[in-house]
Amino acid sequence: MENNIRITNDKVEVVYLPFWAGCMVFGSGLMTVGGLFILFYGVPTSGILRAFFGIIIGIFGTLFFGSILLKVISVLLSGRAVFTIEDGELKGRKKAIPIREIEDIYWGGASSIKYIKVKTLNNKKIKLSTYNLVSEVPVNHVIETYIIPHASPDLKSNWEKRKQSQELNKISITK
């Protein structure tokens, strides 16, 4: 966990590990190549029905995994920090939110593509993507250690409620 958190002077960064980035690039790259292989090799050499399904699978596979590959590569080229806490602000790659203005912060997205959703006191909803390069454990640690102590009372109560409900879910699952 501590490998994902870089602390310097007045700055806390959540960074990805090269191994995770390599896995994401390899996996999404392999699936993109697989989609292209189906489109350009499998479809022309097969019958009508198989070609029809090959076109559908190839196009969706190439578009989905290709977009993930491009996003991950853009993150890799922009630096190792997925998000940063500096000068009282939570900063993503493109957005910065003052910590005092955060009303709620929680995980969103499907289990395969996770991101952090931030709701401000002005009812703005901002999405900070982790690009699946950082797990929930170090992110939650940074939120609890560096954001919650400086946060608004609304965020503190919302975070505690969510934490308690997760603990109750864990207890009910183990029974």
N, C-alpha and C. Protein backbone atom coordinates (compact mmCIF):
# COMPACT_ATOMS: atom_id res chain seq x y z
N MET A 1 0.83 -1.18 0.00
CA MET A 1 0.00 0.00 0.00
C MET A 1 0.87 1.25 0.00
N GLU A 2 1.91 1.27 0.82
CA GLU A 2 2.73 2.47 0.91
C GLU A 2 3.49 2.75 -0.38
N ASN A 3 3.60 1.76 -1.25
CA ASN A 3 4.24 1.99 -2.54
C ASN A 3 3.39 2.86 -3.45
N ASN A 4 2.08 2.90 -3.22
CA ASN A 4 1.19 3.69 -4.04
C ASN A 4 1.05 5.12 -3.55
N ILE A 5 1.60 5.43 -2.39
CA ILE A 5 1.44 6.76 -1.81
C ILE A 5 2.81 7.42 -1.74
N ARG A 6 2.92 8.57 -2.37
CA ARG A 6 4.17 9.33 -2.35
C ARG A 6 3.92 10.64 -1.62
N ILE A 7 4.67 10.86 -0.54
CA ILE A 7 4.50 12.06 0.28
C ILE A 7 5.75 12.91 0.16
N THR A 8 5.57 14.15 -0.28
CA THR A 8 6.67 15.11 -0.37
C THR A 8 6.18 16.45 0.16
N ASN A 9 6.96 17.09 0.98
CA ASN A 9 6.66 18.40 1.57
C ASN A 9 5.17 18.56 1.87
N ASP A 10 4.46 19.34 1.07
CA ASP A 10 3.03 19.59 1.29
C ASP A 10 2.17 18.89 0.26
N LYS A 11 2.64 17.80 -0.26
CA LYS A 11 1.97 17.14 -1.38
C LYS A 11 1.87 15.64 -1.11
N VAL A 12 0.68 15.09 -1.33
CA VAL A 12 0.46 13.65 -1.23
C VAL A 12 -0.04 13.18 -2.58
N GLU A 13 0.66 12.22 -3.16
CA GLU A 13 0.28 11.70 -4.47
C GLU A 13 -0.08 10.23 -4.36
N VAL A 14 -1.13 9.85 -5.05
CA VAL A 14 -1.45 8.44 -5.22
C VAL A 14 -0.94 8.07 -6.60
N VAL A 15 0.04 7.18 -6.63
CA VAL A 15 0.71 6.83 -7.88
C VAL A 15 0.43 5.37 -8.22
N TYR A 16 0.52 5.06 -9.49
CA TYR A 16 0.36 3.68 -9.92
C TYR A 16 1.71 2.99 -9.87
N LEU A 17 1.67 1.69 -9.78
CA LEU A 17 2.89 0.89 -9.80
C LEU A 17 3.16 0.43 -11.24
N PRO A 18 4.42 0.37 -11.64
CA PRO A 18 4.73 -0.05 -13.02
C PRO A 18 4.16 -1.43 -13.37
N PHE A 19 4.11 -2.33 -12.40
CA PHE A 19 3.58 -3.67 -12.66
C PHE A 19 2.11 -3.59 -13.07
N TRP A 20 1.32 -2.80 -12.33
CA TRP A 20 -0.10 -2.65 -12.65
C TRP A 20 -0.28 -2.02 -14.02
N ALA A 21 0.54 -1.02 -14.31
CA ALA A 21 0.44 -0.35 -15.61
C ALA A 21 0.80 -1.33 -16.72
N GLY A 22 1.83 -2.13 -16.50
CA GLY A 22 2.22 -3.12 -17.50
C GLY A 22 1.13 -4.13 -17.75
N CYS A 23 0.47 -4.57 -16.69
CA CYS A 23 -0.63 -5.52 -16.85
C CYS A 23 -1.79 -4.91 -17.63
N MET A 24 -2.11 -3.65 -17.34
CA MET A 24 -3.21 -2.99 -18.05
C MET A 24 -2.87 -2.80 -19.52
N VAL A 25 -1.64 -2.37 -19.81
CA VAL A 25 -1.24 -2.17 -21.20
C VAL A 25 -1.20 -3.50 -21.94
N PHE A 26 -0.62 -4.52 -21.31
CA PHE A 26 -0.54 -5.82 -21.97
C PHE A 26 -1.92 -6.40 -22.21
N GLY A 27 -2.77 -6.38 -21.18
CA GLY A 27 -4.10 -6.97 -21.32
C GLY A 27 -4.96 -6.26 -22.34
N SER A 28 -5.03 -4.94 -22.24
CA SER A 28 -5.86 -4.20 -23.20
C SER A 28 -5.24 -4.23 -24.60
N GLY A 29 -3.93 -4.24 -24.68
CA GLY A 29 -3.27 -4.34 -25.99
C GLY A 29 -3.53 -5.68 -26.64
N LEU A 30 -3.45 -6.74 -25.84
CA LEU A 30 -3.70 -8.09 -26.36
C LEU A 30 -5.15 -8.23 -26.86
N MET A 31 -6.08 -7.69 -26.10
CA MET A 31 -7.48 -7.79 -26.51
C MET A 31 -7.77 -6.92 -27.74
N THR A 32 -7.10 -5.78 -27.84
CA THR A 32 -7.26 -4.93 -29.03
C THR A 32 -6.72 -5.65 -30.26
N VAL A 33 -5.55 -6.26 -30.12
CA VAL A 33 -4.98 -7.02 -31.24
C VAL A 33 -5.88 -8.21 -31.58
N GLY A 34 -6.46 -8.83 -30.56
CA GLY A 34 -7.39 -9.94 -30.81
C GLY A 34 -8.61 -9.49 -31.60
N GLY A 35 -9.16 -8.33 -31.25
CA GLY A 35 -10.30 -7.80 -31.99
C GLY A 35 -9.93 -7.48 -33.43
N LEU A 36 -8.75 -6.90 -33.62
CA LEU A 36 -8.30 -6.59 -34.98
C LEU A 36 -8.03 -7.87 -35.78
N PHE A 37 -7.49 -8.89 -35.11
CA PHE A 37 -7.24 -10.17 -35.76
C PHE A 37 -8.55 -10.79 -36.25
N ILE A 38 -9.56 -10.74 -35.40
CA ILE A 38 -10.86 -11.28 -35.80
C ILE A 38 -11.40 -10.52 -37.00
N LEU A 39 -11.27 -9.19 -36.97
CA LEU A 39 -11.81 -8.38 -38.06
C LEU A 39 -11.07 -8.62 -39.38
N PHE A 40 -9.75 -8.65 -39.33
CA PHE A 40 -9.00 -8.67 -40.58
C PHE A 40 -8.55 -10.05 -41.04
N TYR A 41 -8.60 -11.04 -40.16
CA TYR A 41 -8.22 -12.38 -40.58
C TYR A 41 -9.38 -13.36 -40.46
N GLY A 42 -10.07 -13.32 -39.34
CA GLY A 42 -11.14 -14.29 -39.11
C GLY A 42 -12.36 -14.06 -39.98
N VAL A 43 -12.75 -12.82 -40.15
CA VAL A 43 -13.97 -12.51 -40.91
C VAL A 43 -13.82 -12.83 -42.39
N PRO A 44 -12.75 -12.40 -43.07
CA PRO A 44 -12.67 -12.68 -44.51
C PRO A 44 -12.56 -14.16 -44.87
N THR A 45 -12.08 -14.98 -43.94
CA THR A 45 -11.88 -16.39 -44.26
C THR A 45 -12.99 -17.28 -43.72
N SER A 46 -14.15 -16.72 -43.38
CA SER A 46 -15.20 -17.55 -42.80
C SER A 46 -16.51 -17.36 -43.55
N GLY A 47 -17.50 -18.16 -43.15
CA GLY A 47 -18.81 -18.10 -43.77
C GLY A 47 -19.59 -16.87 -43.33
N ILE A 48 -20.81 -16.75 -43.85
CA ILE A 48 -21.62 -15.56 -43.62
C ILE A 48 -21.98 -15.39 -42.15
N LEU A 49 -22.47 -16.43 -41.52
CA LEU A 49 -22.90 -16.33 -40.12
C LEU A 49 -21.71 -16.06 -39.20
N ARG A 50 -20.65 -16.80 -39.39
CA ARG A 50 -19.45 -16.59 -38.57
C ARG A 50 -18.85 -15.21 -38.83
N ALA A 51 -18.90 -14.75 -40.06
CA ALA A 51 -18.39 -13.42 -40.40
C ALA A 51 -19.23 -12.33 -39.73
N PHE A 52 -20.54 -12.53 -39.70
CA PHE A 52 -21.42 -11.56 -39.05
C PHE A 52 -21.07 -11.40 -37.57
N PHE A 53 -20.97 -12.53 -36.87
CA PHE A 53 -20.61 -12.47 -35.45
C PHE A 53 -19.18 -11.99 -35.26
N GLY A 54 -18.31 -12.34 -36.17
CA GLY A 54 -16.92 -11.87 -36.11
C GLY A 54 -16.82 -10.36 -36.24
N ILE A 55 -17.62 -9.80 -37.12
CA ILE A 55 -17.63 -8.34 -37.29
C ILE A 55 -18.11 -7.66 -36.00
N ILE A 56 -19.19 -8.18 -35.44
CA ILE A 56 -19.73 -7.59 -34.21
C ILE A 56 -18.71 -7.70 -33.07
N ILE A 57 -18.17 -8.89 -32.86
CA ILE A 57 -17.20 -9.09 -31.78
C ILE A 57 -15.93 -8.28 -32.03
N GLY A 58 -15.46 -8.28 -33.25
CA GLY A 58 -14.23 -7.56 -33.58
C GLY A 58 -14.35 -6.06 -33.40
N ILE A 59 -15.47 -5.51 -33.85
CA ILE A 59 -15.65 -4.06 -33.72
C ILE A 59 -15.79 -3.66 -32.26
N PHE A 60 -16.65 -4.34 -31.51
CA PHE A 60 -16.83 -3.98 -30.10
C PHE A 60 -15.55 -4.23 -29.30
N GLY A 61 -14.89 -5.33 -29.55
CA GLY A 61 -13.64 -5.61 -28.84
C GLY A 61 -12.57 -4.59 -29.12
N THR A 62 -12.42 -4.24 -30.39
CA THR A 62 -11.40 -3.26 -30.76
C THR A 62 -11.72 -1.89 -30.18
N LEU A 63 -12.97 -1.46 -30.27
CA LEU A 63 -13.33 -0.14 -29.75
C LEU A 63 -13.22 -0.08 -28.22
N PHE A 64 -13.73 -1.09 -27.53
CA PHE A 64 -13.71 -1.08 -26.07
C PHE A 64 -12.28 -1.16 -25.53
N PHE A 65 -11.56 -2.19 -25.93
CA PHE A 65 -10.22 -2.37 -25.40
C PHE A 65 -9.22 -1.36 -25.97
N GLY A 66 -9.46 -0.92 -27.19
CA GLY A 66 -8.61 0.12 -27.76
C GLY A 66 -8.74 1.43 -27.01
N SER A 67 -9.96 1.77 -26.60
CA SER A 67 -10.14 3.02 -25.84
C SER A 67 -9.49 2.91 -24.46
N ILE A 68 -9.59 1.74 -23.84
CA ILE A 68 -8.92 1.55 -22.55
C ILE A 68 -7.40 1.66 -22.73
N LEU A 69 -6.89 1.05 -23.78
CA LEU A 69 -5.45 1.13 -24.06
C LEU A 69 -5.00 2.57 -24.25
N LEU A 70 -5.75 3.35 -25.01
CA LEU A 70 -5.38 4.75 -25.23
C LEU A 70 -5.44 5.56 -23.94
N LYS A 71 -6.45 5.32 -23.10
CA LYS A 71 -6.54 6.04 -21.83
C LYS A 71 -5.35 5.70 -20.93
N VAL A 72 -5.03 4.43 -20.83
CA VAL A 72 -3.92 4.02 -19.97
C VAL A 72 -2.60 4.58 -20.49
N ILE A 73 -2.41 4.55 -21.79
CA ILE A 73 -1.17 5.11 -22.35
C ILE A 73 -1.10 6.62 -22.10
N SER A 74 -2.23 7.32 -22.19
CA SER A 74 -2.21 8.76 -21.92
C SER A 74 -1.86 9.04 -20.46
N VAL A 75 -2.32 8.19 -19.55
CA VAL A 75 -1.95 8.35 -18.14
C VAL A 75 -0.47 8.07 -17.95
N LEU A 76 0.03 7.03 -18.60
CA LEU A 76 1.44 6.69 -18.47
C LEU A 76 2.35 7.80 -18.98
N LEU A 77 1.93 8.47 -20.02
CA LEU A 77 2.74 9.54 -20.59
C LEU A 77 2.67 10.84 -19.79
N SER A 78 1.62 11.00 -18.98
CA SER A 78 1.45 12.25 -18.25
C SER A 78 2.09 12.25 -16.86
N GLY A 79 2.61 11.15 -16.41
CA GLY A 79 3.23 11.09 -15.09
C GLY A 79 2.61 9.98 -14.26
N ARG A 80 3.23 9.70 -13.13
CA ARG A 80 2.80 8.56 -12.33
C ARG A 80 1.66 8.87 -11.38
N ALA A 81 1.38 10.12 -11.11
CA ALA A 81 0.33 10.46 -10.14
C ALA A 81 -1.05 10.30 -10.77
N VAL A 82 -1.90 9.52 -10.11
CA VAL A 82 -3.28 9.37 -10.55
C VAL A 82 -4.09 10.54 -10.02
N PHE A 83 -3.90 10.86 -8.75
CA PHE A 83 -4.43 12.10 -8.20
C PHE A 83 -3.56 12.57 -7.05
N THR A 84 -3.71 13.86 -6.71
CA THR A 84 -2.82 14.53 -5.77
C THR A 84 -3.63 15.34 -4.76
N ILE A 85 -3.12 15.43 -3.55
CA ILE A 85 -3.69 16.33 -2.55
C ILE A 85 -2.61 17.36 -2.25
N GLU A 86 -2.93 18.61 -2.58
CA GLU A 86 -1.95 19.68 -2.43
C GLU A 86 -2.67 21.01 -2.22
N ASP A 87 -2.17 21.81 -1.30
CA ASP A 87 -2.72 23.14 -1.02
C ASP A 87 -4.21 23.10 -0.70
N GLY A 88 -4.65 22.08 0.02
CA GLY A 88 -6.06 21.99 0.40
C GLY A 88 -6.98 21.61 -0.73
N GLU A 89 -6.43 21.04 -1.80
CA GLU A 89 -7.24 20.63 -2.94
C GLU A 89 -6.97 19.18 -3.31
N LEU A 90 -8.00 18.53 -3.78
CA LEU A 90 -7.90 17.20 -4.35
C LEU A 90 -7.82 17.40 -5.85
N LYS A 91 -6.68 17.02 -6.43
CA LYS A 91 -6.44 17.28 -7.85
C LYS A 91 -6.36 15.99 -8.63
N GLY A 92 -7.17 15.91 -9.66
CA GLY A 92 -7.08 14.81 -10.61
C GLY A 92 -6.17 15.24 -11.75
N ARG A 93 -6.26 14.55 -12.86
CA ARG A 93 -5.43 14.94 -14.01
C ARG A 93 -5.86 16.27 -14.59
N LYS A 94 -7.18 16.54 -14.58
CA LYS A 94 -7.68 17.76 -15.22
C LYS A 94 -8.48 18.65 -14.27
N LYS A 95 -8.88 18.14 -13.13
CA LYS A 95 -9.77 18.89 -12.25
C LYS A 95 -9.17 19.02 -10.86
N ALA A 96 -9.50 20.12 -10.19
CA ALA A 96 -9.08 20.34 -8.80
C ALA A 96 -10.30 20.76 -7.99
N ILE A 97 -10.48 20.13 -6.83
CA ILE A 97 -11.62 20.41 -5.97
C ILE A 97 -11.09 20.78 -4.59
N PRO A 98 -11.46 21.95 -4.06
CA PRO A 98 -11.06 22.27 -2.68
C PRO A 98 -11.67 21.26 -1.71
N ILE A 99 -10.87 20.78 -0.78
CA ILE A 99 -11.33 19.75 0.15
C ILE A 99 -12.49 20.25 1.00
N ARG A 100 -12.49 21.51 1.36
CA ARG A 100 -13.57 22.08 2.18
C ARG A 100 -14.92 22.08 1.45
N GLU A 101 -14.90 22.01 0.13
CA GLU A 101 -16.14 22.04 -0.65
C GLU A 101 -16.68 20.65 -0.98
N ILE A 102 -16.01 19.61 -0.54
CA ILE A 102 -16.45 18.24 -0.84
C ILE A 102 -17.52 17.83 0.17
N GLU A 103 -18.67 17.44 -0.36
CA GLU A 103 -19.76 16.97 0.50
C GLU A 103 -19.73 15.45 0.66
N ASP A 104 -19.36 14.76 -0.41
CA ASP A 104 -19.32 13.30 -0.36
C ASP A 104 -18.28 12.80 -1.34
N ILE A 105 -17.67 11.69 -1.00
CA ILE A 105 -16.68 11.06 -1.88
C ILE A 105 -16.88 9.55 -1.75
N TYR A 106 -16.97 8.88 -2.89
CA TYR A 106 -17.25 7.45 -2.87
C TYR A 106 -16.78 6.82 -4.17
N TRP A 107 -16.73 5.49 -4.16
CA TRP A 107 -16.33 4.74 -5.34
C TRP A 107 -17.52 4.56 -6.26
N GLY A 108 -17.28 4.67 -7.54
CA GLY A 108 -18.32 4.47 -8.54
C GLY A 108 -17.81 3.56 -9.64
N GLY A 109 -18.68 3.25 -10.56
CA GLY A 109 -18.31 2.43 -11.70
C GLY A 109 -18.52 0.95 -11.44
N ALA A 110 -18.32 0.19 -12.47
CA ALA A 110 -18.44 -1.27 -12.37
C ALA A 110 -17.19 -1.82 -11.69
N SER A 111 -17.22 -3.09 -11.38
CA SER A 111 -16.06 -3.67 -10.71
C SER A 111 -14.83 -3.70 -11.61
N SER A 112 -15.04 -3.64 -12.91
CA SER A 112 -13.89 -3.69 -13.81
C SER A 112 -13.30 -2.31 -14.09
N ILE A 113 -14.11 -1.26 -14.01
CA ILE A 113 -13.61 0.09 -14.25
C ILE A 113 -14.07 0.97 -13.10
N LYS A 114 -13.18 1.19 -12.14
CA LYS A 114 -13.52 1.94 -10.93
C LYS A 114 -13.04 3.38 -11.03
N TYR A 115 -13.78 4.27 -10.39
CA TYR A 115 -13.38 5.66 -10.30
C TYR A 115 -13.93 6.24 -9.01
N ILE A 116 -13.43 7.40 -8.65
CA ILE A 116 -13.87 8.08 -7.44
C ILE A 116 -14.84 9.17 -7.84
N LYS A 117 -16.00 9.18 -7.21
CA LYS A 117 -16.98 10.23 -7.46
C LYS A 117 -16.94 11.21 -6.30
N VAL A 118 -16.87 12.48 -6.64
CA VAL A 118 -16.83 13.54 -5.64
C VAL A 118 -18.05 14.42 -5.85
N LYS A 119 -18.80 14.63 -4.78
CA LYS A 119 -19.95 15.53 -4.83
C LYS A 119 -19.60 16.75 -3.98
N THR A 120 -19.72 17.93 -4.57
CA THR A 120 -19.37 19.15 -3.85
C THR A 120 -20.60 19.73 -3.15
N LEU A 121 -20.36 20.73 -2.33
CA LEU A 121 -21.46 21.40 -1.63
C LEU A 121 -22.37 22.13 -2.61
N ASN A 122 -21.88 22.43 -3.81
CA ASN A 122 -22.67 23.08 -4.86
C ASN A 122 -23.43 22.07 -5.71
N ASN A 123 -23.48 20.82 -5.29
CA ASN A 123 -24.13 19.71 -6.01
C ASN A 123 -23.49 19.40 -7.36
N LYS A 124 -22.22 19.73 -7.53
CA LYS A 124 -21.50 19.31 -8.72
C LYS A 124 -20.96 17.91 -8.46
N LYS A 125 -21.03 17.07 -9.47
CA LYS A 125 -20.47 15.73 -9.36
C LYS A 125 -19.27 15.63 -10.28
N ILE A 126 -18.15 15.25 -9.70
CA ILE A 126 -16.89 15.18 -10.43
C ILE A 126 -16.36 13.76 -10.32
N LYS A 127 -15.89 13.25 -11.44
CA LYS A 127 -15.37 11.89 -11.50
C LYS A 127 -13.86 11.94 -11.64
N LEU A 128 -13.16 11.27 -10.73
CA LEU A 128 -11.71 11.14 -10.80
C LEU A 128 -11.39 9.68 -11.07
N SER A 129 -10.92 9.41 -12.25
CA SER A 129 -10.67 8.03 -12.65
C SER A 129 -9.33 7.54 -12.09
N THR A 130 -9.33 6.29 -11.66
CA THR A 130 -8.08 5.66 -11.23
C THR A 130 -7.51 4.79 -12.35
N TYR A 131 -8.26 4.66 -13.43
CA TYR A 131 -7.86 3.87 -14.60
C TYR A 131 -7.49 2.44 -14.23
N ASN A 132 -8.01 1.97 -13.11
CA ASN A 132 -7.72 0.64 -12.57
C ASN A 132 -6.23 0.41 -12.37
N LEU A 133 -5.49 1.48 -12.18
CA LEU A 133 -4.06 1.37 -11.93
C LEU A 133 -3.73 1.39 -10.45
N VAL A 134 -4.71 1.75 -9.62
CA VAL A 134 -4.52 1.81 -8.17
C VAL A 134 -5.72 1.12 -7.52
N SER A 135 -5.45 0.29 -6.53
CA SER A 135 -6.55 -0.42 -5.86
C SER A 135 -7.24 0.49 -4.85
N GLU A 136 -8.33 0.01 -4.29
CA GLU A 136 -9.12 0.80 -3.36
C GLU A 136 -8.41 1.03 -2.02
N VAL A 137 -7.59 0.10 -1.59
CA VAL A 137 -6.99 0.19 -0.26
C VAL A 137 -6.13 1.44 -0.09
N PRO A 138 -5.15 1.71 -0.96
CA PRO A 138 -4.37 2.93 -0.76
C PRO A 138 -5.17 4.21 -0.97
N VAL A 139 -6.13 4.17 -1.87
CA VAL A 139 -6.97 5.36 -2.09
C VAL A 139 -7.80 5.65 -0.85
N ASN A 140 -8.42 4.62 -0.28
CA ASN A 140 -9.20 4.81 0.95
C ASN A 140 -8.31 5.29 2.09
N HIS A 141 -7.10 4.78 2.16
CA HIS A 141 -6.16 5.22 3.20
C HIS A 141 -5.84 6.71 3.05
N VAL A 142 -5.60 7.15 1.83
CA VAL A 142 -5.31 8.57 1.59
C VAL A 142 -6.53 9.42 1.91
N ILE A 143 -7.71 8.95 1.55
CA ILE A 143 -8.93 9.71 1.85
C ILE A 143 -9.09 9.85 3.36
N GLU A 144 -8.94 8.74 4.09
CA GLU A 144 -9.13 8.78 5.54
C GLU A 144 -8.04 9.59 6.25
N THR A 145 -6.82 9.54 5.74
CA THR A 145 -5.71 10.18 6.43
C THR A 145 -5.54 11.65 6.05
N TYR A 146 -5.73 11.99 4.79
CA TYR A 146 -5.38 13.33 4.32
C TYR A 146 -6.57 14.19 3.89
N ILE A 147 -7.73 13.58 3.66
CA ILE A 147 -8.88 14.38 3.23
C ILE A 147 -9.89 14.53 4.37
N ILE A 148 -10.29 13.45 5.00
CA ILE A 148 -11.33 13.48 6.02
C ILE A 148 -10.99 14.43 7.18
N PRO A 149 -9.76 14.46 7.70
CA PRO A 149 -9.49 15.40 8.81
C PRO A 149 -9.69 16.87 8.45
N HIS A 150 -9.56 17.23 7.19
CA HIS A 150 -9.70 18.62 6.76
C HIS A 150 -11.02 18.89 6.06
N ALA A 151 -11.92 17.94 6.12
CA ALA A 151 -13.15 18.00 5.33
C ALA A 151 -14.28 18.69 6.09
N SER A 152 -15.35 18.92 5.35
CA SER A 152 -16.57 19.49 5.93
C SER A 152 -17.25 18.44 6.80
N PRO A 153 -18.09 18.88 7.74
CA PRO A 153 -18.82 17.91 8.58
C PRO A 153 -19.70 16.96 7.76
N ASP A 154 -20.23 17.45 6.64
CA ASP A 154 -21.05 16.58 5.78
C ASP A 154 -20.24 15.40 5.26
N LEU A 155 -19.05 15.69 4.78
CA LEU A 155 -18.20 14.62 4.25
C LEU A 155 -17.82 13.64 5.35
N LYS A 156 -17.49 14.15 6.51
CA LYS A 156 -17.12 13.26 7.62
C LYS A 156 -18.26 12.32 7.98
N SER A 157 -19.47 12.85 8.08
CA SER A 157 -20.61 11.99 8.44
C SER A 157 -20.94 11.01 7.31
N ASN A 158 -20.89 11.47 6.06
CA ASN A 158 -21.17 10.57 4.93
C ASN A 158 -20.14 9.45 4.85
N TRP A 159 -18.88 9.77 5.09
CA TRP A 159 -17.81 8.77 5.03
C TRP A 159 -18.00 7.74 6.14
N GLU A 160 -18.34 8.20 7.34
CA GLU A 160 -18.55 7.27 8.46
C GLU A 160 -19.75 6.36 8.21
N LYS A 161 -20.83 6.92 7.67
CA LYS A 161 -22.01 6.10 7.35
C LYS A 161 -21.66 5.02 6.33
N ARG A 162 -20.92 5.41 5.30
CA ARG A 162 -20.55 4.45 4.26
C ARG A 162 -19.62 3.38 4.83
N LYS A 163 -18.71 3.79 5.68
CA LYS A 163 -17.77 2.84 6.28
C LYS A 163 -18.51 1.84 7.18
N GLN A 164 -19.47 2.33 7.95
CA GLN A 164 -20.25 1.44 8.82
C GLN A 164 -21.11 0.48 8.01
N SER A 165 -21.71 0.97 6.93
CA SER A 165 -22.54 0.07 6.12
C SER A 165 -21.69 -0.99 5.43
N GLN A 166 -20.46 -0.64 5.04
CA GLN A 166 -19.58 -1.64 4.44
C GLN A 166 -19.18 -2.70 5.46
N GLU A 167 -18.94 -2.27 6.69
CA GLU A 167 -18.59 -3.23 7.74
C GLU A 167 -19.77 -4.15 8.04
N LEU A 168 -20.98 -3.60 8.04
CA LEU A 168 -22.16 -4.43 8.25
C LEU A 168 -22.35 -5.42 7.11
N ASN A 169 -22.08 -4.99 5.89
CA ASN A 169 -22.17 -5.90 4.75
C ASN A 169 -21.16 -7.03 4.86
N LYS A 170 -19.95 -6.71 5.31
CA LYS A 170 -18.93 -7.75 5.48
C LYS A 170 -19.35 -8.75 6.54
N ILE A 171 -19.94 -8.25 7.62
CA ILE A 171 -20.39 -9.13 8.70
C ILE A 171 -21.52 -10.03 8.21
N SER A 172 -22.49 -9.47 7.48
CA SER A 172 -23.62 -10.27 7.01
C SER A 172 -23.20 -11.28 5.95
N ILE A 173 -22.17 -10.97 5.19
CA ILE A 173 -21.69 -11.90 4.17
C ILE A 173 -21.00 -13.09 4.82
N THR A 174 -20.27 -12.85 5.90
CA THR A 174 -19.54 -13.94 6.55
C THR A 174 -20.44 -14.86 7.36
N LYS A 175 -21.66 -14.44 7.67
CA LYS A 175 -22.56 -15.30 8.46
C LYS A 175 -23.14 -16.40 7.62
